[in-house]
Amino acid sequence: MTVLEQMGERAKKASRVLAVAGEKKDKALKAIADALREESGAIKAANAVDIENGRNSGLSESLIDRLLLTDARIEGMASGCEQVAALPDPIGETLSGRILENGLEVRKVRVPMGVIGIIFEARPNVTADAAALCLKAGSAVILRGGKEAINSNKCIASVMRKAVKSAGLPEDAIQLVEDTSRQSSVEMMGLSDYLDVLIPRGGAGLIKAVVENSKVPVIETGVGNCHVYVDESARLDMAADIIFNAKTSRPSVCNAIETVLVHRGIAEKALPVIKSRLDECGVEIHGCEKTAEILGSGVIPATEDDWYREYLDLKLAVRVVDSLDEAMEHIAKYSSGHSECIVTENYENSRIFTSGVDSAAVYVNASTRFTDGGEFGLGAEIGISTQKLHARGPMGLNELTSMKFIINGNGQIR
């Protein structure tokens, strides 16, 4: 039996305890929060090794930002565990029920997934966030992070396991795959006897590899080629503010925008205003011919690849379009299905956009940076699902559960 299969066996055993753990789950989450705060020094020391290794290996500043753990981010991890503990327990919730003509009482209730596998890249906060959500949802979790964050992940996982054990639950409710080779990732995709679902969190390459190769059911998350369309009726100040926020507040995350589409009728006025704001952060613009004509030589000519790219950096693709329909056609072709926005003062155009754009989150006059479980009032989330089965949009507690039917009778036979 391989190391991963042994982890799977232990996770299955732990999941049976978690399924009926009730309030012990909240006790464990609070213990994790306290332990993360108490061990913040050790976590930062481990993270500093990862940061140094990342810089030495040439990681971009946006990836370094994803990797970095500060006091504020560790506190965010701890408070996130407390917030999850405060959420209503979804397990056992009756989703529907009825009594049949033969007297059978049929109820559909929410139950744990069982064992959840998560493969992710250089964001060590995912280790705590994902484990907390899976624990509350009554499932054991096997985490496999990238090599860039291995020291941080090992420290965080160790802290959490000890805290879970102190709360009277099996420490194997949370396990970390310490082998970051490609082989461990491939083996994890084949653990269909142990994993009930596999969730990839990371770039397009990782997600594609998992979706194409996994023998375990996959929930696809995260790639964010997000768009803002500036309609002909848009207020320029609002458009510039939204674009500035959605691109520059944290360019390395999946709900940051990568492309701006501007209606030709407003482009001459809008583009200089938008560029002026983006210049405050040195955003590099890759634009179509009309964009370059309006903004001048500083614009890098956009290629076909630019419309597909998730830059995760201070770079932005800009295209002038002739109509709302052309903007929607562009989004339909190039979007990853994450988050899109229209800036408009025209109600009918907003209605057409929200009805016709097929993404997990569609905004009218607001930044795409709000696509987040916490911002939506759903609590913490495991990621943003860009597929339609089994979940779509921010994946909170409810999306990490399954369901079963419970039937009560008094001797009925068929």
Protein backbone atom coordinates (compact mmCIF):
# COMPACT_ATOMS: atom_id res chain seq x y z
CA MET A 1 0.00 0.00 0.00
CA THR A 2 1.42 3.40 -0.99
CA VAL A 3 1.78 6.37 1.35
CA LEU A 4 -1.18 8.09 -0.30
CA GLU A 5 -3.35 5.00 -0.01
CA GLN A 6 -2.48 4.79 3.67
CA MET A 7 -3.50 8.45 4.02
CA GLY A 8 -6.73 7.61 2.24
CA GLU A 9 -7.48 4.76 4.64
CA ARG A 10 -6.89 7.03 7.65
CA ALA A 11 -9.00 9.78 6.10
CA LYS A 12 -11.92 7.39 5.53
CA LYS A 13 -11.75 6.28 9.14
CA ALA A 14 -11.63 9.91 10.34
CA SER A 15 -14.55 10.87 8.08
CA ARG A 16 -16.84 8.41 9.83
CA VAL A 17 -16.13 10.16 13.14
CA LEU A 18 -16.60 13.63 11.63
CA ALA A 19 -19.95 12.68 10.11
CA VAL A 20 -21.47 12.48 13.61
CA ALA A 21 -19.16 14.92 15.42
CA GLY A 22 -21.73 17.70 15.88
CA GLU A 23 -20.52 20.53 18.13
CA LYS A 24 -17.07 18.97 18.49
CA LYS A 25 -16.33 20.36 15.02
CA ASP A 26 -16.79 23.93 16.29
CA LYS A 27 -14.60 23.20 19.30
CA ALA A 28 -11.89 21.96 16.95
CA LEU A 29 -12.17 25.03 14.71
CA LYS A 30 -11.80 27.36 17.69
CA ALA A 31 -8.79 25.35 18.85
CA ILE A 32 -7.26 25.72 15.38
CA ALA A 33 -7.82 29.50 15.46
CA ASP A 34 -6.10 29.80 18.85
CA ALA A 35 -3.21 27.59 17.73
CA LEU A 36 -2.62 29.57 14.52
CA ARG A 37 -2.28 32.74 16.57
CA GLU A 38 -0.03 31.11 19.15
CA GLU A 39 2.22 29.60 16.51
CA SER A 40 2.30 32.63 14.19
CA GLY A 41 6.03 33.04 14.77
CA ALA A 42 6.79 29.49 13.67
CA ILE A 43 4.46 29.85 10.68
CA LYS A 44 6.16 33.07 9.56
CA ALA A 45 9.59 31.50 9.96
CA ALA A 46 8.59 28.58 7.75
CA ASN A 47 7.04 30.98 5.27
CA ALA A 48 10.23 33.07 5.16
CA VAL A 49 12.08 29.99 3.87
CA ASP A 50 9.50 29.58 1.11
CA ILE A 51 9.71 33.26 0.20
CA GLU A 52 13.51 33.13 0.00
CA ASN A 53 13.39 29.96 -2.11
CA GLY A 54 10.75 31.55 -4.34
CA ARG A 55 12.82 34.66 -4.99
CA ASN A 56 15.90 32.54 -5.67
CA SER A 57 13.96 30.49 -8.22
CA GLY A 58 12.68 33.60 -9.99
CA LEU A 59 9.01 33.66 -8.95
CA SER A 60 7.18 36.80 -10.09
CA GLU A 61 6.19 39.41 -7.53
CA SER A 62 2.53 38.48 -7.98
CA LEU A 63 3.30 34.87 -7.05
CA ILE A 64 5.46 36.02 -4.13
CA ASP A 65 2.44 38.02 -2.95
CA ARG A 66 0.28 34.89 -3.10
CA LEU A 67 2.91 33.01 -1.12
CA LEU A 68 3.53 35.62 1.58
CA LEU A 69 2.08 35.18 5.08
CA THR A 70 1.98 38.33 7.20
CA ASP A 71 0.62 38.82 10.71
CA ALA A 72 -2.56 40.16 9.11
CA ARG A 73 -2.94 37.14 6.83
CA ILE A 74 -2.36 34.67 9.65
CA GLU A 75 -4.93 36.53 11.72
CA GLY A 76 -7.22 36.29 8.71
CA MET A 77 -6.73 32.52 8.69
CA ALA A 78 -7.50 32.31 12.40
CA SER A 79 -10.54 34.56 12.28
CA GLY A 80 -11.72 32.65 9.21
CA CYS A 81 -11.77 29.45 11.29
CA GLU A 82 -13.83 31.24 13.94
CA GLN A 83 -16.23 32.53 11.32
CA VAL A 84 -16.69 29.01 9.96
CA ALA A 85 -17.32 27.75 13.50
CA ALA A 86 -20.04 30.39 13.90
CA LEU A 87 -21.88 29.28 10.76
CA PRO A 88 -24.90 26.97 11.08
CA ASP A 89 -23.96 23.32 10.76
CA PRO A 90 -25.29 22.14 7.39
CA ILE A 91 -25.10 18.44 8.26
CA GLY A 92 -28.50 16.91 8.97
CA GLU A 93 -30.44 19.83 7.48
CA THR A 94 -33.70 18.68 5.91
CA LEU A 95 -33.83 20.00 2.35
CA SER A 96 -37.28 18.68 1.57
CA GLY A 97 -39.77 16.12 2.79
CA ARG A 98 -43.20 14.67 2.23
CA ILE A 99 -45.47 11.81 3.22
CA LEU A 100 -46.46 9.43 0.45
CA GLU A 101 -49.92 7.93 0.00
CA ASN A 102 -48.66 4.66 1.48
CA GLY A 103 -47.62 6.48 4.65
CA LEU A 104 -43.87 6.49 4.04
CA GLU A 105 -42.18 9.65 5.26
CA VAL A 106 -39.45 10.64 2.78
CA ARG A 107 -36.88 13.30 3.71
CA LYS A 108 -33.91 14.59 1.73
CA VAL A 109 -31.14 15.61 4.14
CA ARG A 110 -27.71 17.16 3.81
CA VAL A 111 -24.75 14.84 4.55
CA PRO A 112 -20.94 15.04 4.34
CA MET A 113 -19.06 14.28 1.14
CA GLY A 114 -16.77 11.91 3.05
CA VAL A 115 -13.15 12.52 2.01
CA ILE A 116 -12.26 15.59 -0.01
CA GLY A 117 -8.96 15.97 -1.86
CA ILE A 118 -7.62 19.44 -2.70
CA ILE A 119 -4.67 20.12 -5.02
CA PHE A 120 -3.50 23.72 -4.91
CA GLU A 121 -0.54 25.94 -5.72
CA ALA A 122 1.35 28.75 -4.01
CA ARG A 123 -1.21 30.04 -1.49
CA PRO A 124 -0.52 28.59 1.96
CA ASN A 125 -3.60 30.24 3.47
CA VAL A 126 -5.60 27.69 1.43
CA THR A 127 -4.28 25.01 3.80
CA ALA A 128 -6.15 26.53 6.74
CA ASP A 129 -9.17 27.81 4.82
CA ALA A 130 -9.85 24.53 3.04
CA ALA A 131 -9.28 22.38 6.10
CA ALA A 132 -11.64 24.52 8.20
CA LEU A 133 -14.45 24.31 5.66
CA CYS A 134 -14.08 20.58 5.11
CA LEU A 135 -14.04 19.98 8.87
CA LYS A 136 -17.23 21.98 9.41
CA ALA A 137 -18.84 20.19 6.47
CA GLY A 138 -18.12 16.90 8.23
CA SER A 139 -15.52 15.62 5.77
CA ALA A 140 -11.88 14.61 6.14
CA VAL A 141 -9.47 16.37 3.79
CA ILE A 142 -6.23 15.42 2.08
CA LEU A 143 -4.33 18.53 0.96
CA ARG A 144 -1.62 18.61 -1.67
CA GLY A 145 0.04 22.01 -2.10
CA GLY A 146 2.79 23.12 -4.45
CA LYS A 147 6.50 22.96 -3.75
CA GLU A 148 6.69 26.76 -3.46
CA ALA A 149 4.75 26.70 -0.16
CA ILE A 150 5.80 23.32 1.25
CA ASN A 151 7.47 24.63 4.42
CA SER A 152 4.54 26.93 5.22
CA ASN A 153 2.02 24.17 4.51
CA LYS A 154 3.81 21.61 6.69
CA CYS A 155 3.90 24.01 9.61
CA ILE A 156 0.25 25.05 9.25
CA ALA A 157 -0.94 21.44 8.84
CA SER A 158 1.01 20.35 11.91
CA VAL A 159 -0.51 23.15 13.99
CA MET A 160 -4.03 22.25 12.83
CA ARG A 161 -3.65 18.52 13.40
CA LYS A 162 -2.53 19.03 16.99
CA ALA A 163 -5.44 21.42 17.60
CA VAL A 164 -7.99 18.99 16.15
CA LYS A 165 -6.63 16.18 18.34
CA SER A 166 -6.83 18.42 21.43
CA ALA A 167 -10.54 18.93 20.69
CA GLY A 168 -11.22 15.20 20.76
CA LEU A 169 -11.39 14.55 17.02
CA PRO A 170 -8.99 12.43 14.92
CA GLU A 171 -5.97 14.37 13.71
CA ASP A 172 -6.23 12.49 10.41
CA ALA A 173 -9.27 14.62 9.62
CA ILE A 174 -6.58 16.90 8.14
CA GLN A 175 -3.65 15.46 6.21
CA LEU A 176 -1.01 17.04 3.99
CA VAL A 177 0.80 15.29 1.14
CA GLU A 178 4.41 16.30 1.72
CA ASP A 179 5.68 14.87 -1.57
CA THR A 180 5.35 17.74 -4.08
CA SER A 181 6.55 15.75 -7.09
CA ARG A 182 4.36 15.38 -10.15
CA GLN A 183 3.99 11.71 -9.29
CA SER A 184 2.13 12.45 -6.04
CA SER A 185 -0.28 14.68 -7.92
CA VAL A 186 -0.93 11.98 -10.52
CA GLU A 187 -1.41 9.34 -7.83
CA MET A 188 -3.85 11.55 -5.96
CA MET A 189 -5.94 11.89 -9.11
CA GLY A 190 -6.28 8.12 -9.12
CA LEU A 191 -7.41 7.64 -5.50
CA SER A 192 -10.98 6.83 -6.47
CA ASP A 193 -11.22 4.20 -3.73
CA TYR A 194 -10.56 6.83 -1.06
CA LEU A 195 -11.48 10.32 -2.33
CA ASP A 196 -15.12 11.24 -2.92
CA VAL A 197 -14.29 14.47 -4.74
CA LEU A 198 -11.15 16.29 -5.90
CA ILE A 199 -10.93 20.08 -6.06
CA PRO A 200 -8.05 21.80 -7.92
CA ARG A 201 -7.19 25.38 -6.91
CA GLY A 202 -4.62 27.16 -9.03
CA GLY A 203 -3.75 28.19 -12.56
CA ALA A 204 -5.17 27.01 -15.84
CA GLY A 205 -2.48 24.35 -16.29
CA LEU A 206 -3.18 22.66 -12.97
CA ILE A 207 -6.95 22.72 -13.41
CA LYS A 208 -6.74 21.35 -16.95
CA ALA A 209 -4.43 18.54 -15.84
CA VAL A 210 -6.76 17.50 -13.02
CA VAL A 211 -9.93 17.69 -15.12
CA GLU A 212 -8.39 15.66 -17.95
CA ASN A 213 -6.63 13.00 -15.85
CA SER A 214 -8.55 12.51 -12.61
CA LYS A 215 -10.42 9.27 -11.95
CA VAL A 216 -12.01 11.02 -8.96
CA PRO A 217 -15.02 13.32 -9.57
CA VAL A 218 -13.74 16.90 -9.94
CA ILE A 219 -15.18 20.28 -9.02
CA GLU A 220 -13.42 22.79 -11.26
CA THR A 221 -12.46 26.12 -9.70
CA GLY A 222 -10.68 29.29 -10.14
CA VAL A 223 -9.26 30.42 -13.48
CA GLY A 224 -10.37 34.01 -13.77
CA ASN A 225 -10.26 35.65 -17.19
CA CYS A 226 -12.71 38.32 -16.02
CA HIS A 227 -14.06 41.24 -18.06
CA VAL A 228 -15.48 44.74 -17.61
CA TYR A 229 -17.58 46.12 -20.46
CA VAL A 230 -17.95 49.91 -20.53
CA ASP A 231 -21.28 50.61 -22.18
CA GLU A 232 -21.99 53.69 -24.28
CA SER A 233 -24.13 55.12 -21.47
CA ALA A 234 -21.57 54.50 -18.70
CA ARG A 235 -20.50 57.17 -16.23
CA LEU A 236 -16.80 57.65 -16.87
CA ASP A 237 -15.84 58.22 -13.24
CA MET A 238 -17.64 55.05 -12.19
CA ALA A 239 -16.08 53.03 -15.00
CA ALA A 240 -12.58 54.23 -14.13
CA ASP A 241 -13.06 53.49 -10.42
CA ILE A 242 -14.40 49.99 -11.04
CA ILE A 243 -11.66 49.10 -13.53
CA PHE A 244 -8.94 50.51 -11.27
CA ASN A 245 -10.19 48.52 -8.28
CA ALA A 246 -10.82 45.32 -10.21
CA LYS A 247 -7.34 45.35 -11.77
CA THR A 248 -5.04 46.85 -9.16
CA SER A 249 -6.40 46.11 -5.65
CA ARG A 250 -4.92 42.61 -5.84
CA PRO A 251 -3.95 41.62 -9.38
CA SER A 252 -2.79 38.11 -8.42
CA VAL A 253 -6.24 36.75 -7.53
CA CYS A 254 -8.82 35.07 -9.74
CA ASN A 255 -11.51 37.77 -9.38
CA ALA A 256 -9.23 40.51 -10.73
CA ILE A 257 -10.10 41.60 -14.27
CA GLU A 258 -7.90 40.80 -17.26
CA THR A 259 -9.80 42.49 -20.13
CA VAL A 260 -11.72 45.74 -20.59
CA LEU A 261 -14.13 46.17 -23.48
CA VAL A 262 -15.20 49.72 -24.37
CA HIS A 263 -18.06 50.76 -26.64
CA ARG A 264 -16.80 52.67 -29.66
CA GLY A 265 -19.27 55.48 -29.03
CA ILE A 266 -17.61 56.37 -25.71
CA ALA A 267 -14.05 55.17 -26.34
CA GLU A 268 -12.52 58.57 -27.24
CA LYS A 269 -13.63 59.98 -23.87
CA ALA A 270 -13.42 56.88 -21.72
CA LEU A 271 -10.05 55.38 -22.57
CA PRO A 272 -7.89 58.40 -21.54
CA VAL A 273 -9.76 58.62 -18.22
CA ILE A 274 -9.35 54.89 -17.58
CA LYS A 275 -5.66 54.95 -18.56
CA SER A 276 -5.00 57.90 -16.28
CA ARG A 277 -6.21 55.89 -13.28
CA LEU A 278 -4.35 52.74 -14.33
CA ASP A 279 -1.13 54.75 -14.75
CA GLU A 280 -1.18 55.36 -10.99
CA CYS A 281 -0.15 51.72 -10.58
CA GLY A 282 1.83 51.36 -13.78
CA VAL A 283 -0.60 48.99 -15.48
CA GLU A 284 0.69 47.75 -18.84
CA ILE A 285 -1.99 47.96 -21.55
CA HIS A 286 -2.24 45.46 -24.39
CA GLY A 287 -4.72 47.01 -26.79
CA CYS A 288 -6.44 46.61 -30.13
CA GLU A 289 -5.65 48.97 -33.04
CA LYS A 290 -8.37 51.44 -32.04
CA THR A 291 -7.13 51.49 -28.44
CA ALA A 292 -3.59 52.25 -29.64
CA GLU A 293 -4.93 54.96 -31.97
CA ILE A 294 -6.66 56.68 -29.06
CA LEU A 295 -4.03 56.20 -26.34
CA GLY A 296 -0.84 56.38 -28.38
CA SER A 297 2.44 54.49 -28.61
CA GLY A 298 2.49 53.31 -25.00
CA VAL A 299 -0.03 50.61 -25.87
CA ILE A 300 1.39 47.15 -26.65
CA PRO A 301 -0.41 45.63 -29.65
CA ALA A 302 -2.75 42.89 -28.39
CA THR A 303 -2.45 39.40 -29.85
CA GLU A 304 -5.10 36.70 -29.96
CA ASP A 305 -3.39 35.13 -26.93
CA ASP A 306 -3.94 38.31 -24.89
CA TRP A 307 -7.72 37.88 -24.99
CA TYR A 308 -7.38 34.41 -23.43
CA ARG A 309 -4.73 35.26 -20.83
CA GLU A 310 -5.13 35.34 -17.09
CA TYR A 311 -2.27 37.79 -16.43
CA LEU A 312 -2.40 37.74 -12.61
CA ASP A 313 -0.27 40.86 -12.90
CA LEU A 314 -0.49 44.60 -13.54
CA LYS A 315 -1.30 43.99 -17.19
CA LEU A 316 -4.62 44.52 -18.94
CA ALA A 317 -6.02 43.72 -22.37
CA VAL A 318 -8.24 46.47 -23.85
CA ARG A 319 -10.51 46.25 -26.88
CA VAL A 320 -12.92 48.72 -28.48
CA VAL A 321 -16.17 47.07 -29.58
CA ASP A 322 -19.01 48.32 -31.77
CA SER A 323 -21.91 47.15 -29.64
CA LEU A 324 -23.18 45.34 -26.56
CA ASP A 325 -23.67 42.26 -28.72
CA GLU A 326 -20.02 42.32 -29.82
CA ALA A 327 -18.91 42.67 -26.20
CA MET A 328 -21.01 39.66 -25.22
CA GLU A 329 -19.66 37.65 -28.16
CA HIS A 330 -16.11 38.46 -27.04
CA ILE A 331 -16.88 37.33 -23.48
CA ALA A 332 -18.57 34.15 -24.72
CA LYS A 333 -15.45 33.26 -26.73
CA TYR A 334 -12.65 34.18 -24.33
CA SER A 335 -14.05 34.20 -20.79
CA SER A 336 -13.28 31.45 -18.27
CA GLY A 337 -16.82 31.76 -16.89
CA HIS A 338 -15.77 33.38 -13.61
CA SER A 339 -16.91 37.02 -13.25
CA GLU A 340 -17.97 39.73 -15.70
CA CYS A 341 -19.21 43.31 -15.26
CA ILE A 342 -21.13 45.87 -17.30
CA VAL A 343 -20.83 49.56 -16.44
CA THR A 344 -23.97 51.22 -17.75
CA GLU A 345 -26.78 53.66 -17.02
CA ASN A 346 -29.08 51.81 -19.42
CA TYR A 347 -31.38 49.36 -17.59
CA GLU A 348 -32.27 47.38 -20.71
CA ASN A 349 -28.60 46.87 -21.56
CA SER A 350 -27.89 45.71 -18.01
CA ARG A 351 -30.76 43.23 -18.26
CA ILE A 352 -29.53 41.88 -21.60
CA PHE A 353 -25.98 41.55 -20.22
CA THR A 354 -26.97 39.75 -17.02
CA SER A 355 -29.29 37.41 -18.90
CA GLY A 356 -26.97 36.70 -21.82
CA VAL A 357 -23.53 36.40 -20.19
CA ASP A 358 -22.98 32.83 -18.98
CA SER A 359 -20.55 33.22 -16.07
CA ALA A 360 -20.73 32.29 -12.39
CA ALA A 361 -21.04 35.94 -11.30
CA VAL A 362 -22.35 38.80 -13.45
CA TYR A 363 -22.18 42.38 -12.15
CA VAL A 364 -23.87 45.64 -12.99
CA ASN A 365 -21.86 48.70 -11.92
CA ALA A 366 -19.65 46.95 -9.35
CA SER A 367 -16.14 45.52 -9.18
CA THR A 368 -15.60 41.83 -9.90
CA ARG A 369 -13.41 41.73 -6.78
CA PHE A 370 -16.57 40.99 -4.77
CA THR A 371 -16.75 37.42 -6.10
CA ASP A 372 -15.92 35.81 -2.79
CA GLY A 373 -17.88 33.74 -0.31
CA GLY A 374 -17.29 36.16 2.54
CA GLU A 375 -18.23 39.20 0.48
CA PHE A 376 -21.43 37.47 -0.66
CA GLY A 377 -22.39 36.78 2.95
CA LEU A 378 -21.84 33.03 2.55
CA GLY A 379 -18.91 32.79 4.95
CA ALA A 380 -15.59 31.26 3.94
CA GLU A 381 -15.32 29.44 0.62
CA ILE A 382 -13.12 26.76 -0.87
CA GLY A 383 -12.87 28.52 -4.24
CA ILE A 384 -14.97 29.82 -7.10
CA SER A 385 -16.53 27.06 -9.18
CA THR A 386 -16.63 27.93 -12.88
CA GLN A 387 -18.59 24.82 -13.88
CA LYS A 388 -22.30 24.10 -13.53
CA LEU A 389 -22.23 20.73 -11.71
CA HIS A 390 -22.18 20.17 -8.76
CA ALA A 391 -21.69 23.78 -7.63
CA ARG A 392 -21.25 27.19 -9.27
CA GLY A 393 -19.77 30.42 -7.92
CA PRO A 394 -18.37 30.73 -4.38
CA MET A 395 -18.23 27.26 -2.84
CA GLY A 396 -19.14 27.55 0.80
CA LEU A 397 -20.25 24.96 3.34
CA ASN A 398 -23.40 23.87 1.55
CA GLU A 399 -21.50 23.24 -1.68
CA LEU A 400 -19.12 20.90 0.18
CA THR A 401 -21.94 18.56 1.15
CA SER A 402 -23.97 15.87 -0.56
CA MET A 403 -27.43 14.56 0.27
CA LYS A 404 -29.27 11.36 0.97
CA PHE A 405 -32.86 10.24 1.41
CA ILE A 406 -34.09 9.02 4.79
CA ILE A 407 -37.34 7.03 4.70
CA ASN A 408 -39.42 6.21 7.79
CA GLY A 409 -42.15 3.63 7.62
CA ASN A 410 -44.25 1.35 9.82
CA GLY A 411 -43.97 -1.95 7.97
CA GLN A 412 -44.80 -0.94 4.38
CA ILE A 413 -43.84 -3.45 1.71
CA ARG A 414 -43.98 -3.13 -2.07
